[in-house]
Every structure is written in C-alpha cells, then in structure tokens.
C-alpha cells in the first residue's frame, strides 16, 4: 500500500507540474499589474527556452494624481 500511495502522489505531481508548460506568460501576472516586457532565451544553457516576464504595478490613484499634477503645470 505504501508503494501505491507513493506512485499516486508521483503521478499527481507529474500531471500538475506539466500544466504550467501549456500556459502563456501573461497567465502569471497578478491582479493590478500589467506586462511591461517579455524576454525569451536559453538563460541557463539547458537547451530549453526560458522566459523573463517584467511587470509593472498599475496604481490608478497614482495615475490620477500624476495626471492632475501635469495638467496644472503651465
């Protein structure tokens, strides 16, 4: 039974781990953030394509304040 349990856990981890391979980088962007830049390449020289996702926080309060400050300048 112990071997059956270990095999079940291993199969579950394999299935869940492989699901990330079919996702696009934008799936990993949290709420209130936006994609700034995406860079692809073999970063660790393992022969597989890697992805670097650069994101920026979208803060509507700061955007409104900056817009007000810039519009009041002469």
Protein backbone atom coordinates (compact mmCIF):
# COMPACT_ATOMS: atom_id res chain seq x y z
CA UNK A 1 0.00 0.00 0.00
CA UNK A 2 2.87 2.35 0.74
CA UNK A 3 4.21 1.94 -2.81
CA UNK A 4 0.74 2.53 -4.28
CA UNK A 5 0.41 5.76 -2.31
CA UNK A 6 3.83 6.99 -3.43
CA UNK A 7 3.05 6.20 -7.07
CA UNK A 8 -0.27 8.05 -6.81
CA UNK A 9 1.42 11.14 -5.37
CA UNK A 10 4.12 10.98 -8.04
CA UNK A 11 1.53 10.76 -10.84
CA UNK A 12 -0.43 13.66 -9.36
CA UNK A 13 2.69 15.83 -9.15
CA UNK A 14 3.62 14.98 -12.73
CA UNK A 15 0.17 15.95 -14.00
CA UNK A 16 0.06 19.20 -12.03
CA UNK A 17 3.65 20.11 -12.88
CA UNK A 18 3.15 19.65 -16.60
CA UNK A 19 0.17 22.00 -16.69
CA UNK A 20 2.42 25.05 -16.29
CA UNK A 21 4.14 24.17 -19.57
CA UNK A 22 0.96 24.90 -21.53
CA UNK A 23 0.37 28.36 -20.10
CA UNK A 24 1.37 31.70 -21.57
CA UNK A 25 3.49 34.15 -19.55
CA UNK A 26 0.57 36.57 -19.13
CA UNK A 27 -1.24 33.87 -17.09
CA UNK A 28 1.24 34.54 -14.27
CA UNK A 29 0.59 38.29 -13.98
CA UNK A 30 -1.16 39.12 -10.70
CA UNK A 31 -4.16 41.41 -10.45
CA UNK A 32 -3.39 45.16 -10.67
CA UNK A 33 -0.19 44.52 -12.64
CA UNK A 34 0.47 44.72 -16.35
CA UNK A 35 3.05 43.20 -18.65
CA UNK A 36 5.90 45.62 -19.30
CA UNK A 37 8.27 43.39 -21.26
CA UNK A 38 8.74 39.70 -22.03
CA UNK A 39 12.13 38.26 -22.96
CA UNK A 40 12.75 34.74 -24.26
CA UNK A 41 16.04 32.86 -24.46
CA UNK A 42 18.07 29.97 -23.11
CA UNK A 43 19.14 31.71 -19.91
CA UNK A 44 20.63 28.74 -18.08
CA UNK A 45 22.04 26.95 -21.15
CA UNK A 46 19.96 23.80 -20.67
CA UNK A 47 18.67 23.75 -24.25
CA UNK A 48 15.16 24.83 -23.23
CA UNK A 49 13.61 28.22 -23.90
CA UNK A 50 13.21 30.33 -20.77
CA UNK A 51 11.05 33.40 -20.25
CA UNK A 52 11.62 36.54 -18.20
CA UNK A 53 8.45 38.49 -17.53
CA UNK A 54 8.84 42.09 -16.38
CA UNK A 55 5.67 43.50 -14.85
CA UNK A 56 4.62 46.89 -13.51
CA UNK A 57 2.02 47.67 -10.89
CA UNK A 58 -1.00 49.60 -12.13
CA UNK A 59 -1.98 52.06 -9.42
CA UNK A 60 -4.98 54.11 -10.51
CA UNK A 61 -4.63 56.58 -7.59
CA UNK A 62 -1.06 57.46 -8.58
CA UNK A 63 -2.06 57.74 -12.23
CA UNK A 64 -4.84 60.20 -11.37
CA UNK A 65 -2.55 62.25 -9.11
CA UNK A 66 0.16 62.41 -11.79
CA UNK A 67 -2.40 63.45 -14.39
CA UNK A 68 -3.67 66.25 -12.11
CA UNK A 69 -0.13 67.44 -11.34
CA UNK A 70 0.85 67.53 -15.03
CA UNK A 71 -2.35 69.27 -16.13
CA UNK A 72 -1.93 72.08 -13.55
CA UNK A 73 1.60 72.97 -14.73
CA UNK A 74 1.95 75.93 -17.08
